[in-house]
């Protein structure tokens, strides 16, 4: 098993108490990115819960097949969020490696600069991926609130709120890396997508909560 697969397996299998202890410690990782991924995984799990409470249930026969598909999507997203924990930690480690690179000579300094800029750009990818995954979960939670088991409508609302939190938390990791990136075109493009994702998450979560409230 290579290092990446090993890290992903650890992220999937780590006991929650151990994860929280690591998160609360003075270790540089896991950090906010990992917390965002966990929030996203919880969000996907809650949408899966609503799907499980809808499939095959009396009164929901007309949407049962749709919720079989929704359940599969939610479980796939949950797994992707857990994988993103390892991806975020690996990206962070590459940034740290670049900062530690030698800078004794002018050649060293230039090599370090190039390595660091590449690592910083790479470090924006996992949190953006988390926000994209959360966008997909929000689509599922909206459907759950509309047509899912009405007894679980608050779980659909909770799914949306957690997906919004996952998005906004993940995007903080984009912000902190963009501040040190010197490629203006990359920064501008990333900031635009970052804004779209955050605004979309806030709007979508608000819509789901409104749908939930209408059924309470």
N, C-alpha and C. Protein backbone atom coordinates (compact mmCIF):
# COMPACT_ATOMS: atom_id res chain seq x y z
N UNK A 1 0.85 -1.20 0.00
CA UNK A 1 0.00 0.00 0.00
C UNK A 1 0.88 1.25 0.00
N UNK A 2 0.65 2.20 -0.98
CA UNK A 2 1.47 3.40 -1.00
C UNK A 2 1.02 4.37 0.09
N UNK A 3 1.80 5.46 0.27
CA UNK A 3 1.52 6.39 1.37
C UNK A 3 0.15 7.03 1.24
N UNK A 4 -0.24 7.38 0.00
CA UNK A 4 -1.53 8.02 -0.20
C UNK A 4 -2.67 7.10 0.20
N UNK A 5 -2.60 5.84 -0.24
CA UNK A 5 -3.65 4.89 0.12
C UNK A 5 -3.66 4.62 1.61
N UNK A 6 -2.49 4.58 2.21
CA UNK A 6 -2.40 4.35 3.66
C UNK A 6 -3.05 5.49 4.43
N UNK A 7 -2.80 6.72 3.97
CA UNK A 7 -3.40 7.88 4.62
C UNK A 7 -4.92 7.88 4.47
N UNK A 8 -5.40 7.48 3.29
CA UNK A 8 -6.84 7.42 3.07
C UNK A 8 -7.47 6.35 3.95
N UNK A 9 -6.79 5.22 4.08
CA UNK A 9 -7.32 4.15 4.93
C UNK A 9 -7.37 4.61 6.38
N UNK A 10 -6.36 5.35 6.82
CA UNK A 10 -6.34 5.86 8.20
C UNK A 10 -7.49 6.84 8.41
N UNK A 11 -7.72 7.71 7.42
CA UNK A 11 -8.81 8.68 7.53
C UNK A 11 -10.15 7.99 7.64
N UNK A 12 -10.33 6.90 6.93
CA UNK A 12 -11.60 6.17 6.98
C UNK A 12 -11.77 5.41 8.27
N UNK A 13 -10.67 4.87 8.78
CA UNK A 13 -10.76 3.93 9.88
C UNK A 13 -10.50 4.54 11.26
N UNK A 14 -9.98 5.76 11.31
CA UNK A 14 -9.60 6.34 12.59
C UNK A 14 -10.83 6.50 13.49
N UNK A 15 -10.69 6.09 14.73
CA UNK A 15 -11.76 6.25 15.72
C UNK A 15 -11.98 7.74 15.95
N UNK A 16 -13.26 8.14 16.06
CA UNK A 16 -13.58 9.56 16.18
C UNK A 16 -12.85 10.23 17.34
N UNK A 17 -12.78 9.57 18.48
CA UNK A 17 -12.11 10.18 19.63
C UNK A 17 -10.64 10.45 19.34
N UNK A 18 -9.99 9.52 18.63
CA UNK A 18 -8.59 9.72 18.26
C UNK A 18 -8.45 10.91 17.31
N UNK A 19 -9.37 10.99 16.36
CA UNK A 19 -9.35 12.11 15.41
C UNK A 19 -9.52 13.44 16.13
N UNK A 20 -10.50 13.49 17.05
CA UNK A 20 -10.75 14.73 17.78
C UNK A 20 -9.56 15.10 18.67
N UNK A 21 -8.92 14.10 19.25
CA UNK A 21 -7.74 14.37 20.07
C UNK A 21 -6.62 14.96 19.23
N UNK A 22 -6.41 14.40 18.04
CA UNK A 22 -5.40 14.94 17.13
C UNK A 22 -5.76 16.36 16.70
N UNK A 23 -7.05 16.57 16.43
CA UNK A 23 -7.50 17.88 15.98
C UNK A 23 -7.30 18.93 17.07
N UNK A 24 -7.49 18.53 18.31
CA UNK A 24 -7.37 19.46 19.44
C UNK A 24 -5.92 19.69 19.88
N UNK A 25 -5.02 18.87 19.39
CA UNK A 25 -3.62 18.94 19.84
C UNK A 25 -2.87 20.06 19.14
N UNK A 26 -1.57 20.16 19.43
CA UNK A 26 -0.74 21.17 18.78
C UNK A 26 -0.14 20.66 17.47
N UNK A 27 -0.62 19.52 17.00
CA UNK A 27 -0.16 19.02 15.71
C UNK A 27 -0.67 19.94 14.60
N UNK A 28 0.12 20.20 13.58
CA UNK A 28 -0.34 21.08 12.50
C UNK A 28 -1.45 20.46 11.65
N UNK A 29 -1.53 19.14 11.66
CA UNK A 29 -2.58 18.45 10.91
C UNK A 29 -3.00 17.21 11.72
N UNK A 30 -4.29 16.89 11.72
CA UNK A 30 -5.39 17.49 10.97
C UNK A 30 -5.75 18.87 11.49
N UNK A 31 -6.40 19.64 10.61
CA UNK A 31 -6.81 20.99 10.98
C UNK A 31 -8.18 21.30 10.42
N UNK A 32 -8.36 22.56 10.02
CA UNK A 32 -9.66 23.00 9.55
C UNK A 32 -10.14 22.27 8.31
N UNK A 33 -9.21 21.93 7.42
CA UNK A 33 -9.61 21.21 6.21
C UNK A 33 -10.19 19.85 6.52
N UNK A 34 -9.55 19.15 7.46
CA UNK A 34 -10.06 17.84 7.86
C UNK A 34 -11.41 17.97 8.55
N UNK A 35 -11.57 19.00 9.37
CA UNK A 35 -12.84 19.24 10.04
C UNK A 35 -13.94 19.50 9.01
N UNK A 36 -13.61 20.25 7.97
CA UNK A 36 -14.58 20.52 6.90
C UNK A 36 -15.01 19.23 6.22
N UNK A 37 -14.05 18.34 5.98
CA UNK A 37 -14.36 17.07 5.32
C UNK A 37 -15.26 16.20 6.20
N UNK A 38 -15.01 16.21 7.51
CA UNK A 38 -15.86 15.44 8.42
C UNK A 38 -17.28 16.00 8.42
N UNK A 39 -17.41 17.34 8.43
CA UNK A 39 -18.73 17.96 8.36
C UNK A 39 -19.44 17.55 7.07
N UNK A 40 -18.69 17.51 5.98
CA UNK A 40 -19.26 17.10 4.70
C UNK A 40 -19.70 15.64 4.72
N UNK A 41 -18.88 14.78 5.33
CA UNK A 41 -19.23 13.37 5.43
C UNK A 41 -20.48 13.19 6.27
N UNK A 42 -20.60 13.95 7.36
CA UNK A 42 -21.80 13.89 8.19
C UNK A 42 -23.02 14.36 7.40
N UNK A 43 -22.83 15.40 6.61
CA UNK A 43 -23.92 15.91 5.78
C UNK A 43 -24.41 14.85 4.80
N UNK A 44 -23.47 14.19 4.13
CA UNK A 44 -23.84 13.14 3.17
C UNK A 44 -24.51 11.98 3.88
N UNK A 45 -24.03 11.64 5.08
CA UNK A 45 -24.62 10.54 5.84
C UNK A 45 -26.06 10.84 6.22
N UNK A 46 -26.36 12.09 6.55
CA UNK A 46 -27.72 12.45 6.91
C UNK A 46 -28.66 12.38 5.70
N UNK A 47 -28.18 12.76 4.54
CA UNK A 47 -29.00 12.60 3.34
C UNK A 47 -29.23 11.12 3.05
N UNK A 48 -28.21 10.31 3.29
CA UNK A 48 -28.37 8.86 3.12
C UNK A 48 -29.40 8.32 4.11
N UNK A 49 -29.40 8.86 5.31
CA UNK A 49 -30.37 8.44 6.32
C UNK A 49 -31.79 8.71 5.85
N UNK A 50 -32.04 9.90 5.32
CA UNK A 50 -33.37 10.23 4.81
C UNK A 50 -33.75 9.28 3.68
N UNK A 51 -32.78 8.99 2.81
CA UNK A 51 -33.05 8.06 1.71
C UNK A 51 -33.42 6.69 2.24
N UNK A 52 -32.69 6.21 3.23
CA UNK A 52 -32.98 4.89 3.81
C UNK A 52 -34.36 4.86 4.47
N UNK A 53 -34.80 6.00 4.98
CA UNK A 53 -36.11 6.08 5.63
C UNK A 53 -37.24 6.33 4.63
N UNK A 54 -36.87 6.46 3.36
CA UNK A 54 -37.86 6.71 2.31
C UNK A 54 -38.04 5.50 1.40
N UNK A 55 -36.94 4.83 1.09
CA UNK A 55 -36.99 3.68 0.19
C UNK A 55 -37.89 2.58 0.77
N UNK A 56 -38.88 2.19 -0.02
CA UNK A 56 -39.74 1.08 0.37
C UNK A 56 -40.76 1.38 1.45
N UNK A 57 -40.85 2.65 1.86
CA UNK A 57 -41.78 2.99 2.94
C UNK A 57 -43.17 3.32 2.38
N UNK A 58 -44.19 2.99 3.15
CA UNK A 58 -45.57 3.25 2.75
C UNK A 58 -45.79 4.74 2.53
N UNK A 59 -46.41 5.04 1.42
CA UNK A 59 -46.67 6.44 1.06
C UNK A 59 -45.60 7.04 0.19
N UNK A 60 -44.48 6.33 0.01
CA UNK A 60 -43.37 6.87 -0.79
C UNK A 60 -42.99 5.92 -1.93
N UNK A 61 -43.97 5.09 -2.33
CA UNK A 61 -43.70 4.11 -3.39
C UNK A 61 -43.30 4.79 -4.71
N UNK A 62 -43.91 5.94 -4.99
CA UNK A 62 -43.66 6.61 -6.27
C UNK A 62 -42.23 7.15 -6.39
N UNK A 63 -41.57 7.37 -5.25
CA UNK A 63 -40.21 7.93 -5.29
C UNK A 63 -39.16 6.94 -4.80
N UNK A 64 -39.59 5.73 -4.52
CA UNK A 64 -38.68 4.75 -3.94
C UNK A 64 -37.46 4.49 -4.84
N UNK A 65 -37.68 4.34 -6.13
CA UNK A 65 -36.57 4.10 -7.05
C UNK A 65 -35.61 5.29 -7.09
N UNK A 66 -36.18 6.50 -7.06
CA UNK A 66 -35.34 7.69 -7.06
C UNK A 66 -34.45 7.73 -5.82
N UNK A 67 -34.99 7.29 -4.71
CA UNK A 67 -34.22 7.34 -3.46
C UNK A 67 -33.20 6.22 -3.36
N UNK A 68 -33.40 5.15 -4.11
CA UNK A 68 -32.35 4.13 -4.21
C UNK A 68 -31.11 4.75 -4.85
N UNK A 69 -31.34 5.54 -5.91
CA UNK A 69 -30.25 6.23 -6.59
C UNK A 69 -29.64 7.30 -5.70
N UNK A 70 -30.49 8.05 -5.01
CA UNK A 70 -30.01 9.10 -4.11
C UNK A 70 -29.15 8.52 -3.00
N UNK A 71 -29.57 7.37 -2.48
CA UNK A 71 -28.81 6.70 -1.42
C UNK A 71 -27.41 6.35 -1.89
N UNK A 72 -27.33 5.81 -3.12
CA UNK A 72 -26.02 5.44 -3.67
C UNK A 72 -25.13 6.68 -3.84
N UNK A 73 -25.71 7.77 -4.31
CA UNK A 73 -24.95 9.01 -4.48
C UNK A 73 -24.45 9.53 -3.13
N UNK A 74 -25.32 9.52 -2.13
CA UNK A 74 -24.95 10.03 -0.81
C UNK A 74 -23.82 9.22 -0.20
N UNK A 75 -23.90 7.90 -0.34
CA UNK A 75 -22.84 7.05 0.22
C UNK A 75 -21.52 7.26 -0.51
N UNK A 76 -21.59 7.48 -1.81
CA UNK A 76 -20.38 7.75 -2.59
C UNK A 76 -19.75 9.07 -2.17
N UNK A 77 -20.57 10.08 -1.95
CA UNK A 77 -20.06 11.38 -1.51
C UNK A 77 -19.45 11.29 -0.12
N UNK A 78 -20.07 10.53 0.75
CA UNK A 78 -19.53 10.34 2.10
C UNK A 78 -18.11 9.76 2.02
N UNK A 79 -17.91 8.78 1.17
CA UNK A 79 -16.59 8.18 1.01
C UNK A 79 -15.59 9.17 0.43
N UNK A 80 -16.04 9.99 -0.51
CA UNK A 80 -15.15 10.98 -1.12
C UNK A 80 -14.71 12.03 -0.11
N UNK A 81 -15.60 12.40 0.79
CA UNK A 81 -15.22 13.35 1.84
C UNK A 81 -14.13 12.77 2.74
N UNK A 82 -14.26 11.50 3.08
CA UNK A 82 -13.24 10.88 3.92
C UNK A 82 -11.90 10.80 3.21
N UNK A 83 -11.94 10.53 1.92
CA UNK A 83 -10.71 10.51 1.14
C UNK A 83 -10.07 11.91 1.10
N UNK A 84 -10.92 12.93 1.11
CA UNK A 84 -10.43 14.31 1.03
C UNK A 84 -9.63 14.71 2.26
N UNK A 85 -9.88 14.05 3.40
CA UNK A 85 -9.10 14.34 4.60
C UNK A 85 -7.62 14.07 4.33
N UNK A 86 -7.35 12.89 3.78
CA UNK A 86 -5.96 12.52 3.49
C UNK A 86 -5.38 13.43 2.42
N UNK A 87 -6.18 13.77 1.40
CA UNK A 87 -5.69 14.63 0.32
C UNK A 87 -5.31 16.01 0.86
N UNK A 88 -6.12 16.53 1.78
CA UNK A 88 -5.84 17.84 2.36
C UNK A 88 -4.56 17.80 3.20
N UNK A 89 -4.40 16.75 3.99
CA UNK A 89 -3.21 16.63 4.82
C UNK A 89 -1.96 16.47 3.97
N UNK A 90 -2.06 15.72 2.88
CA UNK A 90 -0.91 15.54 1.99
C UNK A 90 -0.52 16.85 1.32
N UNK A 91 -1.53 17.64 0.93
CA UNK A 91 -1.25 18.94 0.30
C UNK A 91 -0.57 19.87 1.30
N UNK A 92 -1.04 19.85 2.53
CA UNK A 92 -0.43 20.67 3.58
C UNK A 92 1.03 20.26 3.79
N UNK A 93 1.29 18.97 3.82
CA UNK A 93 2.66 18.49 4.02
C UNK A 93 3.59 18.93 2.89
N UNK A 94 3.06 18.98 1.66
CA UNK A 94 3.88 19.44 0.54
C UNK A 94 4.24 20.92 0.70
N UNK A 95 3.30 21.70 1.22
CA UNK A 95 3.60 23.11 1.48
C UNK A 95 4.69 23.23 2.54
N UNK A 96 4.57 22.44 3.61
CA UNK A 96 5.57 22.49 4.67
C UNK A 96 6.94 22.05 4.16
N UNK A 97 6.96 21.04 3.32
CA UNK A 97 8.23 20.58 2.73
C UNK A 97 8.87 21.70 1.91
N UNK A 98 8.04 22.44 1.19
CA UNK A 98 8.57 23.53 0.37
C UNK A 98 9.14 24.64 1.25
N UNK A 99 8.46 24.96 2.33
CA UNK A 99 8.97 25.99 3.24
C UNK A 99 10.31 25.58 3.86
N UNK A 100 10.49 24.26 4.06
CA UNK A 100 11.72 23.76 4.68
C UNK A 100 12.86 23.56 3.68
N UNK A 101 12.58 23.75 2.40
CA UNK A 101 13.60 23.53 1.37
C UNK A 101 14.78 24.47 1.58
N UNK A 102 15.98 24.03 1.22
CA UNK A 102 17.18 24.86 1.43
C UNK A 102 17.12 26.17 0.66
N UNK A 103 17.73 27.21 1.22
CA UNK A 103 17.79 28.51 0.55
C UNK A 103 19.15 29.16 0.79
N UNK A 104 20.18 28.33 0.72
CA UNK A 104 21.54 28.81 0.96
C UNK A 104 22.08 29.63 -0.20
N UNK A 105 21.73 29.21 -1.40
CA UNK A 105 22.23 29.92 -2.58
C UNK A 105 21.05 30.54 -3.33
N UNK A 106 21.38 31.39 -4.30
CA UNK A 106 20.33 32.01 -5.12
C UNK A 106 19.56 30.94 -5.89
N UNK A 107 20.29 29.92 -6.33
CA UNK A 107 19.65 28.82 -7.05
C UNK A 107 18.68 28.06 -6.13
N UNK A 108 19.12 27.85 -4.89
CA UNK A 108 18.26 27.20 -3.90
C UNK A 108 16.99 28.02 -3.68
N UNK A 109 17.17 29.32 -3.55
CA UNK A 109 16.03 30.20 -3.28
C UNK A 109 15.02 30.17 -4.41
N UNK A 110 15.51 30.15 -5.65
CA UNK A 110 14.61 30.12 -6.79
C UNK A 110 13.88 28.78 -6.87
N UNK A 111 14.62 27.70 -6.62
CA UNK A 111 14.01 26.37 -6.62
C UNK A 111 12.94 26.26 -5.54
N UNK A 112 13.26 26.81 -4.37
CA UNK A 112 12.31 26.79 -3.27
C UNK A 112 11.06 27.61 -3.61
N UNK A 113 11.27 28.76 -4.25
CA UNK A 113 10.14 29.62 -4.63
C UNK A 113 9.20 28.88 -5.58
N UNK A 114 9.76 28.23 -6.58
CA UNK A 114 8.95 27.49 -7.56
C UNK A 114 8.21 26.35 -6.88
N UNK A 115 8.93 25.60 -6.04
CA UNK A 115 8.33 24.48 -5.32
C UNK A 115 7.19 24.96 -4.42
N UNK A 116 7.41 26.08 -3.74
CA UNK A 116 6.41 26.60 -2.82
C UNK A 116 5.16 27.07 -3.56
N UNK A 117 5.36 27.78 -4.66
CA UNK A 117 4.19 28.25 -5.41
C UNK A 117 3.37 27.08 -5.96
N UNK A 118 4.06 26.05 -6.40
CA UNK A 118 3.36 24.86 -6.89
C UNK A 118 2.58 24.19 -5.75
N UNK A 119 3.22 24.09 -4.59
CA UNK A 119 2.57 23.45 -3.44
C UNK A 119 1.37 24.26 -2.96
N UNK A 120 1.50 25.58 -2.93
CA UNK A 120 0.40 26.43 -2.50
C UNK A 120 -0.80 26.32 -3.44
N UNK A 121 -0.53 26.29 -4.73
CA UNK A 121 -1.62 26.09 -5.70
C UNK A 121 -2.27 24.73 -5.47
N UNK A 122 -1.44 23.72 -5.24
CA UNK A 122 -1.97 22.38 -5.00
C UNK A 122 -2.81 22.31 -3.75
N UNK A 123 -2.45 23.13 -2.76
CA UNK A 123 -3.17 23.11 -1.49
C UNK A 123 -4.56 23.73 -1.59
N UNK A 124 -4.84 24.45 -2.67
CA UNK A 124 -6.20 24.98 -2.86
C UNK A 124 -7.14 23.92 -3.43
N UNK A 125 -6.60 22.85 -3.98
CA UNK A 125 -7.44 21.87 -4.67
C UNK A 125 -8.30 21.03 -3.73
N UNK A 126 -7.74 20.45 -2.65
CA UNK A 126 -8.61 19.64 -1.77
C UNK A 126 -9.78 20.42 -1.17
N UNK A 127 -9.56 21.65 -0.65
CA UNK A 127 -10.72 22.37 -0.11
C UNK A 127 -11.73 22.76 -1.17
N UNK A 128 -11.27 23.10 -2.37
CA UNK A 128 -12.22 23.38 -3.45
C UNK A 128 -13.01 22.13 -3.81
N UNK A 129 -12.32 20.99 -3.79
CA UNK A 129 -13.01 19.73 -4.05
C UNK A 129 -14.08 19.47 -2.99
N UNK A 130 -13.75 19.75 -1.72
CA UNK A 130 -14.73 19.56 -0.65
C UNK A 130 -15.96 20.43 -0.89
N UNK A 131 -15.73 21.68 -1.30
CA UNK A 131 -16.84 22.59 -1.56
C UNK A 131 -17.69 22.10 -2.74
N UNK A 132 -17.04 21.54 -3.74
CA UNK A 132 -17.77 20.97 -4.89
C UNK A 132 -18.60 19.76 -4.44
N UNK A 133 -18.01 18.92 -3.59
CA UNK A 133 -18.74 17.76 -3.07
C UNK A 133 -19.93 18.21 -2.23
N UNK A 134 -19.72 19.25 -1.42
CA UNK A 134 -20.81 19.77 -0.58
C UNK A 134 -21.94 20.31 -1.45
N UNK A 135 -21.61 20.90 -2.58
CA UNK A 135 -22.63 21.37 -3.52
C UNK A 135 -23.51 20.21 -3.97
N UNK A 136 -22.90 19.07 -4.22
CA UNK A 136 -23.67 17.88 -4.62
C UNK A 136 -24.55 17.40 -3.48
N UNK A 137 -24.02 17.43 -2.27
CA UNK A 137 -24.83 17.01 -1.12
C UNK A 137 -26.03 17.94 -0.94
N UNK A 138 -25.83 19.22 -1.14
CA UNK A 138 -26.93 20.17 -1.02
C UNK A 138 -28.04 19.87 -2.01
N UNK A 139 -27.68 19.42 -3.19
CA UNK A 139 -28.70 19.00 -4.17
C UNK A 139 -29.50 17.82 -3.62
N UNK A 140 -28.81 16.90 -2.97
CA UNK A 140 -29.49 15.73 -2.40
C UNK A 140 -30.38 16.12 -1.23
N UNK A 141 -29.86 16.97 -0.35
CA UNK A 141 -30.63 17.36 0.83
C UNK A 141 -31.87 18.16 0.43
N UNK A 142 -31.76 18.92 -0.66
CA UNK A 142 -32.93 19.66 -1.16
C UNK A 142 -34.02 18.67 -1.59
N UNK A 143 -33.62 17.65 -2.32
CA UNK A 143 -34.59 16.64 -2.76
C UNK A 143 -35.18 15.91 -1.56
N UNK A 144 -34.33 15.62 -0.57
CA UNK A 144 -34.81 14.95 0.64
C UNK A 144 -35.86 15.80 1.35
N UNK A 145 -35.63 17.10 1.39
CA UNK A 145 -36.59 17.99 2.05
C UNK A 145 -37.89 18.09 1.27
N UNK A 146 -37.79 18.00 -0.05
CA UNK A 146 -38.98 18.12 -0.89
C UNK A 146 -39.84 16.86 -0.89
N UNK A 147 -39.21 15.72 -1.11
CA UNK A 147 -39.99 14.51 -1.38
C UNK A 147 -39.65 13.33 -0.47
N UNK A 148 -38.69 13.51 0.43
CA UNK A 148 -38.31 12.41 1.32
C UNK A 148 -39.29 12.22 2.45
N UNK A 149 -39.04 11.21 3.25
CA UNK A 149 -39.89 10.90 4.39
C UNK A 149 -40.04 12.15 5.27
N UNK A 150 -41.27 12.60 5.42
CA UNK A 150 -41.51 13.85 6.16
C UNK A 150 -41.11 13.74 7.62
N UNK A 151 -41.07 12.53 8.16
CA UNK A 151 -40.65 12.35 9.54
C UNK A 151 -39.15 12.60 9.73
N UNK A 152 -38.41 12.64 8.60
CA UNK A 152 -36.96 12.86 8.66
C UNK A 152 -36.58 14.19 8.03
N UNK A 153 -37.56 15.09 7.89
CA UNK A 153 -37.27 16.34 7.19
C UNK A 153 -36.23 17.19 7.93
N UNK A 154 -36.18 17.09 9.26
CA UNK A 154 -35.16 17.85 10.00
C UNK A 154 -33.76 17.31 9.73
N UNK A 155 -33.68 16.03 9.39
CA UNK A 155 -32.38 15.46 9.03
C UNK A 155 -31.91 16.00 7.68
N UNK A 156 -32.88 16.23 6.78
CA UNK A 156 -32.55 16.87 5.50
C UNK A 156 -32.05 18.29 5.76
N UNK A 157 -32.70 19.00 6.68
CA UNK A 157 -32.25 20.34 7.03
C UNK A 157 -30.88 20.33 7.65
N UNK A 158 -30.64 19.38 8.54
CA UNK A 158 -29.33 19.28 9.18
C UNK A 158 -28.25 18.96 8.15
N UNK A 159 -28.59 18.12 7.19
CA UNK A 159 -27.65 17.79 6.12
C UNK A 159 -27.24 19.05 5.36
N UNK A 160 -28.22 19.89 5.06
CA UNK A 160 -27.92 21.12 4.32
C UNK A 160 -27.07 22.09 5.14
N UNK A 161 -27.40 22.23 6.41
CA UNK A 161 -26.64 23.14 7.28
C UNK A 161 -25.19 22.69 7.41
N UNK A 162 -24.99 21.39 7.56
CA UNK A 162 -23.63 20.85 7.66
C UNK A 162 -22.88 21.00 6.34
N UNK A 163 -23.59 20.85 5.22
CA UNK A 163 -22.94 21.02 3.92
C UNK A 163 -22.50 22.47 3.72
N UNK A 164 -23.33 23.41 4.18
CA UNK A 164 -22.93 24.81 4.11
C UNK A 164 -21.70 25.05 5.00
N UNK A 165 -21.72 24.49 6.20
CA UNK A 165 -20.58 24.65 7.11
C UNK A 165 -19.32 24.04 6.51
N UNK A 166 -19.47 22.87 5.90
CA UNK A 166 -18.32 22.21 5.27
C UNK A 166 -17.74 23.09 4.17
N UNK A 167 -18.62 23.70 3.39
CA UNK A 167 -18.18 24.57 2.30
C UNK A 167 -17.41 25.77 2.83
N UNK A 168 -18.01 26.48 3.76
CA UNK A 168 -17.41 27.72 4.24
C UNK A 168 -16.12 27.45 5.02
N UNK A 169 -16.08 26.34 5.73
CA UNK A 169 -14.87 25.98 6.46
C UNK A 169 -13.76 25.59 5.49
N UNK A 170 -14.09 24.78 4.50
CA UNK A 170 -13.09 24.36 3.51
C UNK A 170 -12.51 25.56 2.77
N UNK A 171 -13.36 26.50 2.42
CA UNK A 171 -12.91 27.64 1.63
C UNK A 171 -11.97 28.57 2.39
N UNK A 172 -11.98 28.50 3.72
CA UNK A 172 -10.99 29.25 4.49
C UNK A 172 -9.58 28.76 4.16
N UNK A 173 -9.45 27.47 3.87
CA UNK A 173 -8.14 26.94 3.49
C UNK A 173 -7.72 27.40 2.10
N UNK A 174 -8.71 27.70 1.26
CA UNK A 174 -8.38 28.30 -0.03
C UNK A 174 -7.84 29.71 0.20
N UNK A 175 -8.52 30.46 1.06
CA UNK A 175 -8.13 31.86 1.31
C UNK A 175 -6.70 31.97 1.82
N UNK A 176 -6.36 31.12 2.79
CA UNK A 176 -5.05 31.26 3.41
C UNK A 176 -3.91 30.92 2.45
N UNK A 177 -4.19 30.06 1.50
CA UNK A 177 -3.16 29.73 0.50
C UNK A 177 -3.10 30.77 -0.62
N UNK A 178 -4.25 31.29 -1.01
CA UNK A 178 -4.26 32.30 -2.08
C UNK A 178 -3.47 33.54 -1.68
N UNK A 179 -3.45 33.84 -0.39
CA UNK A 179 -2.74 35.02 0.07
C UNK A 179 -1.25 35.00 -0.19
N UNK A 180 -0.69 33.80 -0.45
CA UNK A 180 0.75 33.69 -0.68
C UNK A 180 1.09 33.31 -2.12
N UNK A 181 0.08 33.23 -2.98
CA UNK A 181 0.30 32.84 -4.38
C UNK A 181 0.50 34.09 -5.22
N UNK A 182 1.54 34.09 -6.03
CA UNK A 182 1.91 35.28 -6.82
C UNK A 182 1.35 35.27 -8.24
N UNK A 183 0.74 34.18 -8.64
CA UNK A 183 0.15 34.06 -9.98
C UNK A 183 -1.22 34.74 -9.97
N UNK A 184 -1.28 35.98 -10.46
CA UNK A 184 -2.51 36.77 -10.37
C UNK A 184 -3.68 36.13 -11.13
N UNK A 185 -3.39 35.53 -12.27
CA UNK A 185 -4.45 34.89 -13.05
C UNK A 185 -5.05 33.71 -12.29
N UNK A 186 -4.19 32.90 -11.69
CA UNK A 186 -4.65 31.76 -10.89
C UNK A 186 -5.48 32.24 -9.71
N UNK A 187 -4.99 33.27 -9.03
CA UNK A 187 -5.70 33.80 -7.86
C UNK A 187 -7.07 34.32 -8.25
N UNK A 188 -7.14 35.09 -9.34
CA UNK A 188 -8.41 35.66 -9.79
C UNK A 188 -9.42 34.57 -10.15
N UNK A 189 -8.96 33.58 -10.88
CA UNK A 189 -9.84 32.49 -11.30
C UNK A 189 -10.33 31.70 -10.10
N UNK A 190 -9.44 31.43 -9.16
CA UNK A 190 -9.80 30.66 -7.98
C UNK A 190 -10.73 31.44 -7.06
N UNK A 191 -10.47 32.72 -6.90
CA UNK A 191 -11.33 33.57 -6.07
C UNK A 191 -12.76 33.62 -6.63
N UNK A 192 -12.87 33.66 -7.95
CA UNK A 192 -14.18 33.68 -8.58
C UNK A 192 -14.95 32.40 -8.27
N UNK A 193 -14.28 31.26 -8.43
CA UNK A 193 -14.94 29.99 -8.16
C UNK A 193 -15.25 29.85 -6.68
N UNK A 194 -14.34 30.32 -5.84
CA UNK A 194 -14.53 30.27 -4.40
C UNK A 194 -15.79 31.04 -4.00
N UNK A 195 -15.96 32.24 -4.57
CA UNK A 195 -17.13 33.07 -4.27
C UNK A 195 -18.42 32.38 -4.73
N UNK A 196 -18.38 31.79 -5.92
CA UNK A 196 -19.56 31.09 -6.45
C UNK A 196 -19.97 29.95 -5.53
N UNK A 197 -18.99 29.19 -5.07
CA UNK A 197 -19.29 28.04 -4.22
C UNK A 197 -19.86 28.47 -2.87
N UNK A 198 -19.28 29.50 -2.26
CA UNK A 198 -19.77 29.95 -0.97
C UNK A 198 -21.17 30.52 -1.08
N UNK A 199 -21.38 31.39 -2.04
CA UNK A 199 -22.69 32.00 -2.20
C UNK A 199 -23.74 30.94 -2.55
N UNK A 200 -23.37 29.98 -3.38
CA UNK A 200 -24.29 28.91 -3.74
C UNK A 200 -24.66 28.06 -2.54
N UNK A 201 -23.68 27.77 -1.69
CA UNK A 201 -23.94 26.94 -0.51
C UNK A 201 -24.86 27.65 0.46
N UNK A 202 -24.63 28.92 0.68
CA UNK A 202 -25.47 29.69 1.60
C UNK A 202 -26.91 29.75 1.09
N UNK A 203 -27.05 30.01 -0.21
CA UNK A 203 -28.38 30.09 -0.81
C UNK A 203 -29.10 28.75 -0.78
N UNK A 204 -28.39 27.68 -1.14
CA UNK A 204 -29.01 26.36 -1.18
C UNK A 204 -29.42 25.88 0.21
N UNK A 205 -28.54 26.09 1.19
CA UNK A 205 -28.86 25.67 2.55
C UNK A 205 -30.08 26.42 3.07
N UNK A 206 -30.14 27.71 2.76
CA UNK A 206 -31.29 28.50 3.18
C UNK A 206 -32.58 27.99 2.56
N UNK A 207 -32.50 27.60 1.30
CA UNK A 207 -33.66 27.04 0.61
C UNK A 207 -34.13 25.75 1.26
N UNK A 208 -33.19 24.88 1.59
CA UNK A 208 -33.54 23.60 2.21
C UNK A 208 -34.16 23.82 3.59
N UNK A 209 -33.59 24.73 4.36
CA UNK A 209 -34.14 25.01 5.68
C UNK A 209 -35.55 25.58 5.56
N UNK A 210 -35.78 26.39 4.56
CA UNK A 210 -37.13 26.94 4.34
C UNK A 210 -38.10 25.81 4.00
N UNK A 211 -37.68 24.89 3.13
CA UNK A 211 -38.51 23.75 2.81
C UNK A 211 -38.81 22.92 4.04
N UNK A 212 -37.79 22.73 4.86
CA UNK A 212 -37.96 21.98 6.11
C UNK A 212 -38.98 22.64 7.02
N UNK A 213 -38.84 23.95 7.18
CA UNK A 213 -39.75 24.67 8.08
C UNK A 213 -41.20 24.59 7.63
N UNK A 214 -41.39 24.54 6.32
CA UNK A 214 -42.76 24.44 5.80
C UNK A 214 -43.42 23.13 6.17
N UNK A 215 -42.60 22.10 6.47
CA UNK A 215 -43.16 20.79 6.79
C UNK A 215 -43.22 20.52 8.29
N UNK A 216 -42.69 21.42 9.09
CA UNK A 216 -42.70 21.22 10.54
C UNK A 216 -44.05 21.57 11.14
